[in-house]
Every structure is written in C-alpha cells, then in structure tokens.
Amino acid sequence: MHLLLTSMLHPRMEEVLSGTVVYIADAARTLLASPGGRKHAEWEHDQVRLYGCDLVDVMVATTPPDQLVEVLDHADGIYMASGETFDLLNALKTSGADKLIVDKVREGLPYVGSSAGSVVAGPSIEPISVMDSPDLAPNLHDYTALDLIDRVIIPHAQGDGAYPATIITETVERYGSAYPLLLLEDGQALEVDGTRQSVIA
C-alpha cells in the first residue's frame, strides 16, 4: 500500500499521484451550498490539478457501483478530498465504495487524502465528532472507517482558523484514551509505504 494522508494538501503529493486520478469529492457536498465553501472546494480541486494529473471527478453517492468499478479499474490513483467527514463516510458506506476502495488500495492503488479524506482512512471517525458534525449523516450509526491505518488522524492540529486550539484539546481529552490519535498540522502528512509509516513535513 502507498498512502499519503495530509492535513491539507502536501508537496509530496506530486510523487504519489500521476496519470489518471479519481477525485472523490463527496466530503465537499455541503460546502458547495455556500460561496465560501464552494470557493474552498474549487481551490482544492485546482491545486490537485496543478500536479499534472488527469482528474476524473466522482461523487460516489450518485455513481452506480458498476461505473465506479470501471473508473477505479482504469485509475492510477485516488484523491479523497476534504470537507465533512461524516457525510463522506456515509456516502462511502451507502454506495459500497468503501469496500471497492479498500480492495484497490490494498492491491497497490495509491491513495491520497486531505483532512476528511485522511480521517476516513483510519479505523474510526468517531473522534472527529468534535470537529465535524455527525448530524450531517443522521442515518450513519457505524463510524468504522476504511481501516487502512491503525490511527485516527486529527487534521489542522496547529489549532487556528475554523479549528482553534480548544477544539483540538477537547478532541484529545475526549478520545485520546480510547483511540490512537495522530495529530497532524497543516503542512504535515503521514506517508504509508508498505509497512513503513512516517510523519513528514
């Protein structure tokens, strides 16, 4: 497996992503409802495109399973975009995309996640409930995620902007004893290459 799990983008993405990349944007669905959120979603999409990838935009919630299989079969990588974590996991589970993606990544398809896209790569998204709203996916009761890594990534851990230090502290206090948390600041990423894992800046 080769994963690059970022807090918010990372220069190393250029070394992991190339060719045809499936850009999964379900986490940004709620962002698109506001001008500020749409601007962020479009900015992230543009940043990934700048790495020279041929992006295939996919919303798994509305993509038929057979079509998603076809897209993944012809992909050179997956990019899981940032946004709302609970909405993203709900889309992955209800569409069956979670199992398809796990199989492909375990077979060697590179995976890059940003923020929510990194959180869902872990064993559970429950700790992120301090930062994101479970109410956006009221029918999601199983917070088990893709389980590609054994830690729960907490992005934006520098504690500023939309996620101040108090939010990060509360997350650690509420969930630090129940889950193996990995706090990543913007500009950091966890790289998983086979059995090797390392935090890079």
C-alpha atoms as a PDB file:
ATOM      1  CA  MET A   1       0.000   0.000   0.000  1.00  0.00           C
ATOM      2  CA  HIS A   2       1.039   3.559  -0.630  1.00  0.00           C
ATOM      3  CA  LEU A   3      -0.915   6.278   1.141  1.00  0.00           C
ATOM      4  CA  LEU A   4      -0.243   9.952   1.737  1.00  0.00           C
ATOM      5  CA  LEU A   5      -2.610  11.266   4.396  1.00  0.00           C
ATOM      6  CA  THR A   6      -2.398  15.019   4.685  1.00  0.00           C
ATOM      7  CA  SER A   7      -3.896  17.640   6.934  1.00  0.00           C
ATOM      8  CA  MET A   8      -4.413  19.872   3.904  1.00  0.00           C
ATOM      9  CA  LEU A   9      -2.571  19.040   0.685  1.00  0.00           C
ATOM     10  CA  HIS A  10       1.211  18.443   0.657  1.00  0.00           C
ATOM     11  CA  PRO A  11       4.113  18.871  -1.805  1.00  0.00           C
ATOM     12  CA  ARG A  12       4.835  15.109  -1.653  1.00  0.00           C
ATOM     13  CA  MET A  13       1.540  14.523  -3.468  1.00  0.00           C
ATOM     14  CA  GLU A  14       3.412  15.133  -6.704  1.00  0.00           C
ATOM     15  CA  GLU A  15       5.453  11.983  -6.056  1.00  0.00           C
ATOM     16  CA  VAL A  16       2.421   9.833  -5.257  1.00  0.00           C
ATOM     17  CA  LEU A  17      -0.177  10.960  -7.789  1.00  0.00           C
ATOM     18  CA  SER A  18       0.256  10.756 -11.545  1.00  0.00           C
ATOM     19  CA  GLY A  19      -1.716   9.761 -14.599  1.00  0.00           C
ATOM     20  CA  THR A  20      -5.447   9.269 -14.142  1.00  0.00           C
ATOM     21  CA  VAL A  21      -6.594  10.147 -10.629  1.00  0.00           C
ATOM     22  CA  VAL A  22     -10.101   9.551  -9.302  1.00  0.00           C
ATOM     23  CA  TYR A  23     -11.038  12.718  -7.398  1.00  0.00           C
ATOM     24  CA  ILE A  24     -13.694  11.788  -4.827  1.00  0.00           C
ATOM     25  CA  ALA A  25     -15.451  14.951  -3.679  1.00  0.00           C
ATOM     26  CA  ASP A  26     -18.344  13.695  -1.537  1.00  0.00           C
ATOM     27  CA  ALA A  27     -16.962  15.374   1.594  1.00  0.00           C
ATOM     28  CA  ALA A  28     -17.375  18.745  -0.109  1.00  0.00           C
ATOM     29  CA  ARG A  29     -21.064  18.321  -0.969  1.00  0.00           C
ATOM     30  CA  THR A  30     -22.272  20.521   1.889  1.00  0.00           C
ATOM     31  CA  LEU A  31     -19.532  23.076   1.231  1.00  0.00           C
ATOM     32  CA  LEU A  32     -20.910  23.702  -2.230  1.00  0.00           C
ATOM     33  CA  ALA A  33     -24.038  25.264  -0.706  1.00  0.00           C
ATOM     34  CA  SER A  34     -22.167  28.374   0.434  1.00  0.00           C
ATOM     35  CA  PRO A  35     -19.959  30.760  -1.600  1.00  0.00           C
ATOM     36  CA  GLY A  36     -17.071  30.392   0.841  1.00  0.00           C
ATOM     37  CA  GLY A  37     -17.319  26.626   0.924  1.00  0.00           C
ATOM     38  CA  ARG A  38     -17.580  26.383  -2.857  1.00  0.00           C
ATOM     39  CA  LYS A  39     -14.512  28.594  -3.208  1.00  0.00           C
ATOM     40  CA  HIS A  40     -12.511  26.276  -0.939  1.00  0.00           C
ATOM     41  CA  ALA A  41     -13.686  23.149  -2.778  1.00  0.00           C
ATOM     42  CA  GLU A  42     -12.798  24.631  -6.160  1.00  0.00           C
ATOM     43  CA  TRP A  43      -9.422  25.815  -4.847  1.00  0.00           C
ATOM     44  CA  GLU A  44      -8.543  22.321  -3.588  1.00  0.00           C
ATOM     45  CA  HIS A  45      -9.576  20.772  -6.896  1.00  0.00           C
ATOM     46  CA  ASP A  46      -7.432  23.285  -8.797  1.00  0.00           C
ATOM     47  CA  GLN A  47      -4.429  22.607  -6.542  1.00  0.00           C
ATOM     48  CA  VAL A  48      -4.558  18.873  -7.235  1.00  0.00           C
ATOM     49  CA  ARG A  49      -4.913  19.511 -10.958  1.00  0.00           C
ATOM     50  CA  LEU A  50      -1.730  21.610 -10.846  1.00  0.00           C
ATOM     51  CA  TYR A  51       0.241  18.434 -10.108  1.00  0.00           C
ATOM     52  CA  GLY A  52      -0.427  17.444 -13.705  1.00  0.00           C
ATOM     53  CA  CYS A  53      -2.962  14.712 -13.016  1.00  0.00           C
ATOM     54  CA  ASP A  54      -5.814  13.815 -15.301  1.00  0.00           C
ATOM     55  CA  LEU A  55      -8.684  14.095 -12.818  1.00  0.00           C
ATOM     56  CA  VAL A  56     -11.831  12.007 -13.060  1.00  0.00           C
ATOM     57  CA  ASP A  57     -14.379  13.711 -10.794  1.00  0.00           C
ATOM     58  CA  VAL A  58     -16.605  11.313  -8.875  1.00  0.00           C
ATOM     59  CA  MET A  59     -19.364  11.653  -6.305  1.00  0.00           C
ATOM     60  CA  VAL A  60     -19.673   8.092  -5.027  1.00  0.00           C
ATOM     61  CA  ALA A  61     -23.109   8.818  -3.547  1.00  0.00           C
ATOM     62  CA  THR A  62     -24.542   9.222  -7.048  1.00  0.00           C
ATOM     63  CA  THR A  63     -22.269   6.942  -9.070  1.00  0.00           C
ATOM     64  CA  PRO A  64     -23.600   3.459  -9.919  1.00  0.00           C
ATOM     65  CA  PRO A  65     -21.358   0.719  -8.443  1.00  0.00           C
ATOM     66  CA  ASP A  66     -20.533  -0.816 -11.825  1.00  0.00           C
ATOM     67  CA  GLN A  67     -19.467   2.577 -13.131  1.00  0.00           C
ATOM     68  CA  LEU A  68     -17.286   3.171 -10.062  1.00  0.00           C
ATOM     69  CA  VAL A  69     -15.642  -0.234 -10.569  1.00  0.00           C
ATOM     70  CA  GLU A  70     -14.878   0.726 -14.169  1.00  0.00           C
ATOM     71  CA  VAL A  71     -13.398   4.067 -13.147  1.00  0.00           C
ATOM     72  CA  LEU A  72     -11.220   2.544 -10.420  1.00  0.00           C
ATOM     73  CA  ASP A  73     -10.040  -0.244 -12.728  1.00  0.00           C
ATOM     74  CA  HIS A  74      -8.569   2.380 -15.062  1.00  0.00           C
ATOM     75  CA  ALA A  75      -7.177   4.707 -12.375  1.00  0.00           C
ATOM     76  CA  ASP A  76      -3.583   5.344 -11.376  1.00  0.00           C
ATOM     77  CA  GLY A  77      -4.537   6.806  -8.010  1.00  0.00           C
ATOM     78  CA  ILE A  78      -7.285   8.063  -5.700  1.00  0.00           C
ATOM     79  CA  TYR A  79      -7.603  11.512  -4.160  1.00  0.00           C
ATOM     80  CA  MET A  80     -10.130  11.797  -1.320  1.00  0.00           C
ATOM     81  CA  ALA A  81     -10.962  15.472  -0.873  1.00  0.00           C
ATOM     82  CA  SER A  82     -11.558  17.465   2.302  1.00  0.00           C
ATOM     83  CA  GLY A  83     -14.878  18.564   3.765  1.00  0.00           C
ATOM     84  CA  GLU A  84     -17.374  16.952   6.131  1.00  0.00           C
ATOM     85  CA  THR A  85     -16.130  13.610   7.440  1.00  0.00           C
ATOM     86  CA  PHE A  86     -19.455  12.104   8.498  1.00  0.00           C
ATOM     87  CA  ASP A  87     -21.126  12.940   5.192  1.00  0.00           C
ATOM     88  CA  LEU A  88     -18.156  11.410   3.378  1.00  0.00           C
ATOM     89  CA  LEU A  89     -18.172   8.138   5.315  1.00  0.00           C
ATOM     90  CA  ASN A  90     -21.930   7.850   4.908  1.00  0.00           C
ATOM     91  CA  ALA A  91     -21.569   8.231   1.139  1.00  0.00           C
ATOM     92  CA  LEU A  92     -18.789   5.640   1.036  1.00  0.00           C
ATOM     93  CA  LYS A  93     -20.751   3.084   3.059  1.00  0.00           C
ATOM     94  CA  THR A  94     -24.180   3.503   1.458  1.00  0.00           C
ATOM     95  CA  SER A  95     -22.722   3.291  -2.052  1.00  0.00           C
ATOM     96  CA  GLY A  96     -20.455   0.343  -1.301  1.00  0.00           C
ATOM     97  CA  ALA A  97     -17.497   2.432  -2.432  1.00  0.00           C
ATOM     98  CA  ASP A  98     -15.745   1.829   0.884  1.00  0.00           C
ATOM     99  CA  LYS A  99     -15.111  -1.848   0.120  1.00  0.00           C
ATOM    100  CA  LEU A 100     -14.150  -1.160  -3.500  1.00  0.00           C
ATOM    101  CA  ILE A 101     -11.627   1.477  -2.460  1.00  0.00           C
ATOM    102  CA  VAL A 102     -10.119  -0.641   0.320  1.00  0.00           C
ATOM    103  CA  ASP A 103      -9.614  -3.542  -2.076  1.00  0.00           C
ATOM    104  CA  LYS A 104      -7.959  -1.336  -4.696  1.00  0.00           C
ATOM    105  CA  VAL A 105      -5.664   0.387  -2.198  1.00  0.00           C
ATOM    106  CA  ARG A 106      -4.614  -2.920  -0.638  1.00  0.00           C
ATOM    107  CA  GLU A 107      -3.831  -4.132  -4.158  1.00  0.00           C
ATOM    108  CA  GLY A 108      -1.465  -1.184  -4.615  1.00  0.00           C
ATOM    109  CA  LEU A 109      -3.506   1.753  -5.969  1.00  0.00           C
ATOM    110  CA  PRO A 110      -2.020   4.929  -4.421  1.00  0.00           C
ATOM    111  CA  TYR A 111      -4.345   6.860  -2.098  1.00  0.00           C
ATOM    112  CA  VAL A 112      -4.015  10.493  -1.092  1.00  0.00           C
ATOM    113  CA  GLY A 113      -6.366  12.026   1.448  1.00  0.00           C
ATOM    114  CA  SER A 114      -6.772  15.586   2.629  1.00  0.00           C
ATOM    115  CA  SER A 115      -8.375  16.361   6.002  1.00  0.00           C
ATOM    116  CA  ALA A 116     -11.652  14.354   5.950  1.00  0.00           C
ATOM    117  CA  GLY A 117     -10.144  12.199   3.210  1.00  0.00           C
ATOM    118  CA  SER A 118      -7.338  11.292   5.609  1.00  0.00           C
ATOM    119  CA  VAL A 119      -9.587  10.727   8.615  1.00  0.00           C
ATOM    120  CA  VAL A 120     -11.698   8.103   6.806  1.00  0.00           C
ATOM    121  CA  ALA A 121      -8.552   6.077   6.064  1.00  0.00           C
ATOM    122  CA  GLY A 122      -8.297   5.201   9.755  1.00  0.00           C
ATOM    123  CA  PRO A 123     -10.176   2.729  11.971  1.00  0.00           C
ATOM    124  CA  SER A 124     -12.978   5.090  13.048  1.00  0.00           C
ATOM    125  CA  ILE A 125     -14.173   8.660  12.549  1.00  0.00           C
ATOM    126  CA  GLU A 126     -15.796   8.957  15.982  1.00  0.00           C
ATOM    127  CA  PRO A 127     -13.078  11.246  17.433  1.00  0.00           C
ATOM    128  CA  ILE A 128     -13.649  13.777  14.676  1.00  0.00           C
ATOM    129  CA  SER A 129     -17.161  14.458  16.048  1.00  0.00           C
ATOM    130  CA  VAL A 130     -15.718  17.392  17.986  1.00  0.00           C
ATOM    131  CA  MET A 131     -14.586  18.999  14.731  1.00  0.00           C
ATOM    132  CA  ASP A 132     -17.254  17.869  12.239  1.00  0.00           C
ATOM    133  CA  SER A 133     -20.973  17.303  12.694  1.00  0.00           C
ATOM    134  CA  PRO A 134     -22.472  13.791  12.905  1.00  0.00           C
ATOM    135  CA  ASP A 135     -25.844  15.472  12.284  1.00  0.00           C
ATOM    136  CA  LEU A 136     -24.958  15.730   8.595  1.00  0.00           C
ATOM    137  CA  ALA A 137     -25.306  11.944   8.377  1.00  0.00           C
ATOM    138  CA  PRO A 138     -28.141  11.096  10.803  1.00  0.00           C
ATOM    139  CA  ASN A 139     -28.510   7.568   9.439  1.00  0.00           C
ATOM    140  CA  LEU A 140     -24.845   6.744   9.915  1.00  0.00           C
ATOM    141  CA  HIS A 141     -24.549   4.774  13.149  1.00  0.00           C
ATOM    142  CA  ASP A 142     -21.414   2.749  12.421  1.00  0.00           C
ATOM    143  CA  TYR A 143     -18.378   5.024  12.491  1.00  0.00           C
ATOM    144  CA  THR A 144     -15.968   2.275  11.465  1.00  0.00           C
ATOM    145  CA  ALA A 145     -13.927   3.696   8.605  1.00  0.00           C
ATOM    146  CA  LEU A 146     -11.678   2.236   5.889  1.00  0.00           C
ATOM    147  CA  ASP A 147      -9.175   0.851   8.434  1.00  0.00           C
ATOM    148  CA  LEU A 148      -6.215   1.241   6.083  1.00  0.00           C
ATOM    149  CA  ILE A 149      -4.142   2.544   9.006  1.00  0.00           C
ATOM    150  CA  ASP A 150      -4.364   1.885  12.736  1.00  0.00           C
ATOM    151  CA  ARG A 151      -4.510   5.512  13.887  1.00  0.00           C
ATOM    152  CA  VAL A 152      -7.168   8.221  13.759  1.00  0.00           C
ATOM    153  CA  ILE A 153      -5.819  11.313  12.074  1.00  0.00           C
ATOM    154  CA  ILE A 154      -6.778  14.634  13.637  1.00  0.00           C
ATOM    155  CA  PRO A 155      -6.056  17.277  10.983  1.00  0.00           C
ATOM    156  CA  HIS A 156      -5.422  21.016  11.425  1.00  0.00           C
ATOM    157  CA  ALA A 157      -3.836  20.286  14.800  1.00  0.00           C
ATOM    158  CA  GLN A 158      -1.971  23.593  14.841  1.00  0.00           C
ATOM    159  CA  GLY A 159      -5.208  24.969  16.302  1.00  0.00           C
ATOM    160  CA  ASP A 160      -6.236  28.015  14.313  1.00  0.00           C
ATOM    161  CA  GLY A 161      -8.892  29.194  11.870  1.00  0.00           C
ATOM    162  CA  ALA A 162     -12.037  27.059  11.900  1.00  0.00           C
ATOM    163  CA  TYR A 163     -10.446  24.618  14.366  1.00  0.00           C
ATOM    164  CA  PRO A 164      -8.976  26.603  17.303  1.00  0.00           C
ATOM    165  CA  ALA A 165      -6.725  25.043  19.911  1.00  0.00           C
ATOM    166  CA  THR A 166      -9.694  24.488  22.234  1.00  0.00           C
ATOM    167  CA  ILE A 167     -11.263  22.129  19.673  1.00  0.00           C
ATOM    168  CA  ILE A 168      -8.049  20.137  19.307  1.00  0.00           C
ATOM    169  CA  THR A 169      -7.626  19.945  23.076  1.00  0.00           C
ATOM    170  CA  GLU A 170     -11.221  18.770  23.574  1.00  0.00           C
ATOM    171  CA  THR A 171     -10.749  16.089  20.913  1.00  0.00           C
ATOM    172  CA  VAL A 172      -7.682  14.716  22.683  1.00  0.00           C
ATOM    173  CA  GLU A 173      -9.307  14.886  26.110  1.00  0.00           C
ATOM    174  CA  ARG A 174     -12.472  13.083  24.988  1.00  0.00           C
ATOM    175  CA  TYR A 175     -10.953  10.443  22.708  1.00  0.00           C
ATOM    176  CA  GLY A 176      -7.232  10.204  23.385  1.00  0.00           C
ATOM    177  CA  SER A 177      -7.571   7.283  25.781  1.00  0.00           C
ATOM    178  CA  ALA A 178      -9.993   5.326  23.589  1.00  0.00           C
ATOM    179  CA  TYR A 179      -8.299   5.742  20.197  1.00  0.00           C
ATOM    180  CA  PRO A 180      -4.697   6.029  18.949  1.00  0.00           C
ATOM    181  CA  LEU A 181      -4.801   9.606  17.676  1.00  0.00           C
ATOM    182  CA  LEU A 182      -2.294  11.159  15.293  1.00  0.00           C
ATOM    183  CA  LEU A 183      -2.354  14.947  15.310  1.00  0.00           C
ATOM    184  CA  LEU A 184      -1.275  16.482  12.009  1.00  0.00           C
ATOM    185  CA  GLU A 185      -0.725  20.171  11.430  1.00  0.00           C
ATOM    186  CA  ASP A 186      -1.320  21.749   8.039  1.00  0.00           C
ATOM    187  CA  GLY A 187       1.876  21.150   6.113  1.00  0.00           C
ATOM    188  CA  GLN A 188       2.314  17.675   7.622  1.00  0.00           C
ATOM    189  CA  ALA A 189       1.314  14.263   6.307  1.00  0.00           C
ATOM    190  CA  LEU A 190       1.502  10.615   7.246  1.00  0.00           C
ATOM    191  CA  GLU A 191       3.113   8.565   4.496  1.00  0.00           C
ATOM    192  CA  VAL A 192       2.449   4.836   4.457  1.00  0.00           C
ATOM    193  CA  ASP A 193       4.632   2.835   2.093  1.00  0.00           C
ATOM    194  CA  GLY A 194       4.150  -0.865   2.614  1.00  0.00           C
ATOM    195  CA  THR A 195       4.750  -1.496   6.286  1.00  0.00           C
ATOM    196  CA  ARG A 196       6.672   1.742   6.797  1.00  0.00           C
ATOM    197  CA  GLN A 197       4.870   4.746   8.274  1.00  0.00           C
ATOM    198  CA  SER A 198       6.384   8.175   8.791  1.00  0.00           C
ATOM    199  CA  VAL A 199       5.173  11.681   9.501  1.00  0.00           C
ATOM    200  CA  ILE A 200       6.652  14.140   7.029  1.00  0.00           C
ATOM    201  CA  ALA A 201       6.689  17.930   6.934  1.00  0.00           C
END
